[in-house]
Amino acid sequence: METWMPPDQTAGPTIRWPPLFPAKTWRRLVKRLGLSKRQAEVAALLCRECLVADIASELGISHDAVRHHSKRLFRKLGVKSRVGVVLSIVHARRGGTAPYMRM
């Protein structure tokens, strides 16, 4: 079974992350939520409770870029916190969106 892994995991990662979902499921969720590739990467790491510094290191981008992508992700999902991101992804997996959530 093919699984999704954050980028740089295939090229000698410093941290090994287990997949959130099978690759096919993850691609379907990303499409359903309308996330960009980078937003999907940030969302996956936010779901793993990574700090901004950890995400920046893992993706090879600056802290400011992580904050920018996180803000855009929060706005796109209509949430105000990391918990909201996780709940949106879980809810989308069950087949819906969660416009009522403002976490």
C-alpha atoms as a PDB file:
ATOM      1  CA  MET A   1       0.000   0.000   0.000  1.00  0.00           C
ATOM      2  CA  GLU A   2       1.397   3.376  -1.054  1.00  0.00           C
ATOM      3  CA  THR A   3       1.611   5.949   1.760  1.00  0.00           C
ATOM      4  CA  TRP A   4       2.103   9.695   1.740  1.00  0.00           C
ATOM      5  CA  MET A   5       5.235  11.069   3.341  1.00  0.00           C
ATOM      6  CA  PRO A   6       6.192  14.717   3.751  1.00  0.00           C
ATOM      7  CA  PRO A   7       8.776  15.973   1.254  1.00  0.00           C
ATOM      8  CA  ASP A   8      12.451  15.381   1.966  1.00  0.00           C
ATOM      9  CA  GLN A   9      11.517  12.106   3.642  1.00  0.00           C
ATOM     10  CA  THR A  10      12.733  10.248   0.587  1.00  0.00           C
ATOM     11  CA  ALA A  11      16.063  12.088   0.486  1.00  0.00           C
ATOM     12  CA  GLY A  12      17.605  11.190   3.833  1.00  0.00           C
ATOM     13  CA  PRO A  13      15.285  12.818   6.371  1.00  0.00           C
ATOM     14  CA  THR A  14      16.372  13.906   9.806  1.00  0.00           C
ATOM     15  CA  ILE A  15      12.971  12.916  11.231  1.00  0.00           C
ATOM     16  CA  ARG A  16      10.916   9.886  10.155  1.00  0.00           C
ATOM     17  CA  TRP A  17       7.187  10.497  10.204  1.00  0.00           C
ATOM     18  CA  PRO A  18       4.636   7.737   9.903  1.00  0.00           C
ATOM     19  CA  PRO A  19       2.046   8.514   7.231  1.00  0.00           C
ATOM     20  CA  LEU A  20      -1.139  10.261   8.330  1.00  0.00           C
ATOM     21  CA  PHE A  21      -3.249   8.395   5.803  1.00  0.00           C
ATOM     22  CA  PRO A  22      -2.654   6.184   2.785  1.00  0.00           C
ATOM     23  CA  ALA A  23      -1.443   8.314  -0.165  1.00  0.00           C
ATOM     24  CA  LYS A  24      -4.682   7.971  -2.125  1.00  0.00           C
ATOM     25  CA  THR A  25      -6.738   9.111   0.881  1.00  0.00           C
ATOM     26  CA  TRP A  26      -4.406  12.050   1.559  1.00  0.00           C
ATOM     27  CA  ARG A  27      -4.559  13.243  -2.070  1.00  0.00           C
ATOM     28  CA  ARG A  28      -8.363  13.041  -1.968  1.00  0.00           C
ATOM     29  CA  LEU A  29      -8.477  15.089   1.270  1.00  0.00           C
ATOM     30  CA  VAL A  30      -6.108  17.721  -0.096  1.00  0.00           C
ATOM     31  CA  LYS A  31      -8.234  18.055  -3.213  1.00  0.00           C
ATOM     32  CA  ARG A  32     -11.497  18.157  -1.226  1.00  0.00           C
ATOM     33  CA  LEU A  33     -10.132  20.903   1.037  1.00  0.00           C
ATOM     34  CA  GLY A  34      -8.592  22.820  -1.887  1.00  0.00           C
ATOM     35  CA  LEU A  35      -5.112  22.962  -0.368  1.00  0.00           C
ATOM     36  CA  SER A  36      -1.965  23.839  -2.259  1.00  0.00           C
ATOM     37  CA  LYS A  37       0.960  21.430  -2.120  1.00  0.00           C
ATOM     38  CA  ARG A  38       2.766  23.521   0.502  1.00  0.00           C
ATOM     39  CA  GLN A  39      -0.384  24.018   2.572  1.00  0.00           C
ATOM     40  CA  ALA A  40      -0.875  20.247   2.568  1.00  0.00           C
ATOM     41  CA  GLU A  41       2.710  19.738   3.757  1.00  0.00           C
ATOM     42  CA  VAL A  42       2.291  22.299   6.544  1.00  0.00           C
ATOM     43  CA  ALA A  43      -1.081  20.796   7.531  1.00  0.00           C
ATOM     44  CA  ALA A  44       0.443  17.322   7.785  1.00  0.00           C
ATOM     45  CA  LEU A  45       3.172  18.586  10.092  1.00  0.00           C
ATOM     46  CA  LEU A  46       0.731  20.676  12.160  1.00  0.00           C
ATOM     47  CA  CYS A  47      -1.290  17.508  12.695  1.00  0.00           C
ATOM     48  CA  ARG A  48       1.844  15.968  14.174  1.00  0.00           C
ATOM     49  CA  GLU A  49       2.122  18.851  16.678  1.00  0.00           C
ATOM     50  CA  CYS A  50       5.326  20.190  15.128  1.00  0.00           C
ATOM     51  CA  LEU A  51       6.491  23.658  16.113  1.00  0.00           C
ATOM     52  CA  VAL A  52       7.148  26.379  13.555  1.00  0.00           C
ATOM     53  CA  ALA A  53      10.886  25.748  13.827  1.00  0.00           C
ATOM     54  CA  ASP A  54      10.408  22.010  13.228  1.00  0.00           C
ATOM     55  CA  ILE A  55       8.223  22.624  10.185  1.00  0.00           C
ATOM     56  CA  ALA A  56      10.687  25.151   8.765  1.00  0.00           C
ATOM     57  CA  SER A  57      13.555  22.717   9.217  1.00  0.00           C
ATOM     58  CA  GLU A  58      11.633  19.779   7.758  1.00  0.00           C
ATOM     59  CA  LEU A  59      10.463  21.689   4.669  1.00  0.00           C
ATOM     60  CA  GLY A  60      13.620  23.754   4.206  1.00  0.00           C
ATOM     61  CA  ILE A  61      11.826  27.110   4.378  1.00  0.00           C
ATOM     62  CA  SER A  62      12.001  30.120   6.713  1.00  0.00           C
ATOM     63  CA  HIS A  63       9.967  30.571   9.886  1.00  0.00           C
ATOM     64  CA  ASP A  64       8.152  33.476   8.235  1.00  0.00           C
ATOM     65  CA  ALA A  65       7.207  31.272   5.282  1.00  0.00           C
ATOM     66  CA  VAL A  66       5.783  28.666   7.666  1.00  0.00           C
ATOM     67  CA  ARG A  67       3.730  31.351   9.417  1.00  0.00           C
ATOM     68  CA  HIS A  68       2.512  32.655   6.045  1.00  0.00           C
ATOM     69  CA  HIS A  69       1.451  29.198   4.850  1.00  0.00           C
ATOM     70  CA  SER A  70      -0.179  28.477   8.222  1.00  0.00           C
ATOM     71  CA  LYS A  71      -2.205  31.706   8.124  1.00  0.00           C
ATOM     72  CA  ARG A  72      -3.373  30.988   4.580  1.00  0.00           C
ATOM     73  CA  LEU A  73      -4.228  27.428   5.613  1.00  0.00           C
ATOM     74  CA  PHE A  74      -6.230  28.633   8.636  1.00  0.00           C
ATOM     75  CA  ARG A  75      -8.084  31.150   6.464  1.00  0.00           C
ATOM     76  CA  LYS A  76      -8.827  28.586   3.765  1.00  0.00           C
ATOM     77  CA  LEU A  77     -10.180  26.076   6.292  1.00  0.00           C
ATOM     78  CA  GLY A  78     -12.016  28.755   8.269  1.00  0.00           C
ATOM     79  CA  VAL A  79     -10.280  27.920  11.539  1.00  0.00           C
ATOM     80  CA  LYS A  80      -8.226  29.854  14.067  1.00  0.00           C
ATOM     81  CA  SER A  81      -5.941  27.202  15.533  1.00  0.00           C
ATOM     82  CA  ARG A  82      -3.964  24.036  14.889  1.00  0.00           C
ATOM     83  CA  VAL A  83      -6.739  22.035  16.525  1.00  0.00           C
ATOM     84  CA  GLY A  84      -9.124  23.435  13.936  1.00  0.00           C
ATOM     85  CA  VAL A  85      -6.832  22.213  11.162  1.00  0.00           C
ATOM     86  CA  VAL A  86      -6.792  18.699  12.605  1.00  0.00           C
ATOM     87  CA  LEU A  87     -10.567  18.652  13.056  1.00  0.00           C
ATOM     88  CA  SER A  88     -11.108  19.948   9.509  1.00  0.00           C
ATOM     89  CA  ILE A  89      -8.960  17.163   8.084  1.00  0.00           C
ATOM     90  CA  VAL A  90     -10.702  14.509  10.174  1.00  0.00           C
ATOM     91  CA  HIS A  91     -14.122  15.862   9.212  1.00  0.00           C
ATOM     92  CA  ALA A  92     -13.161  16.021   5.518  1.00  0.00           C
ATOM     93  CA  ARG A  93     -12.063  12.410   5.693  1.00  0.00           C
ATOM     94  CA  ARG A  94     -15.560  11.495   6.798  1.00  0.00           C
ATOM     95  CA  GLY A  95     -16.920  13.136   3.671  1.00  0.00           C
ATOM     96  CA  GLY A  96     -17.773  16.711   4.535  1.00  0.00           C
ATOM     97  CA  THR A  97     -16.447  20.140   5.269  1.00  0.00           C
ATOM     98  CA  ALA A  98     -16.843  21.887   8.587  1.00  0.00           C
ATOM     99  CA  PRO A  99     -17.872  25.507   7.929  1.00  0.00           C
ATOM    100  CA  TYR A 100     -19.325  25.770  11.436  1.00  0.00           C
ATOM    101  CA  MET A 101     -15.939  25.167  13.079  1.00  0.00           C
ATOM    102  CA  ARG A 102     -14.079  28.253  14.231  1.00  0.00           C
ATOM    103  CA  MET A 103     -11.476  26.649  16.462  1.00  0.00           C
END
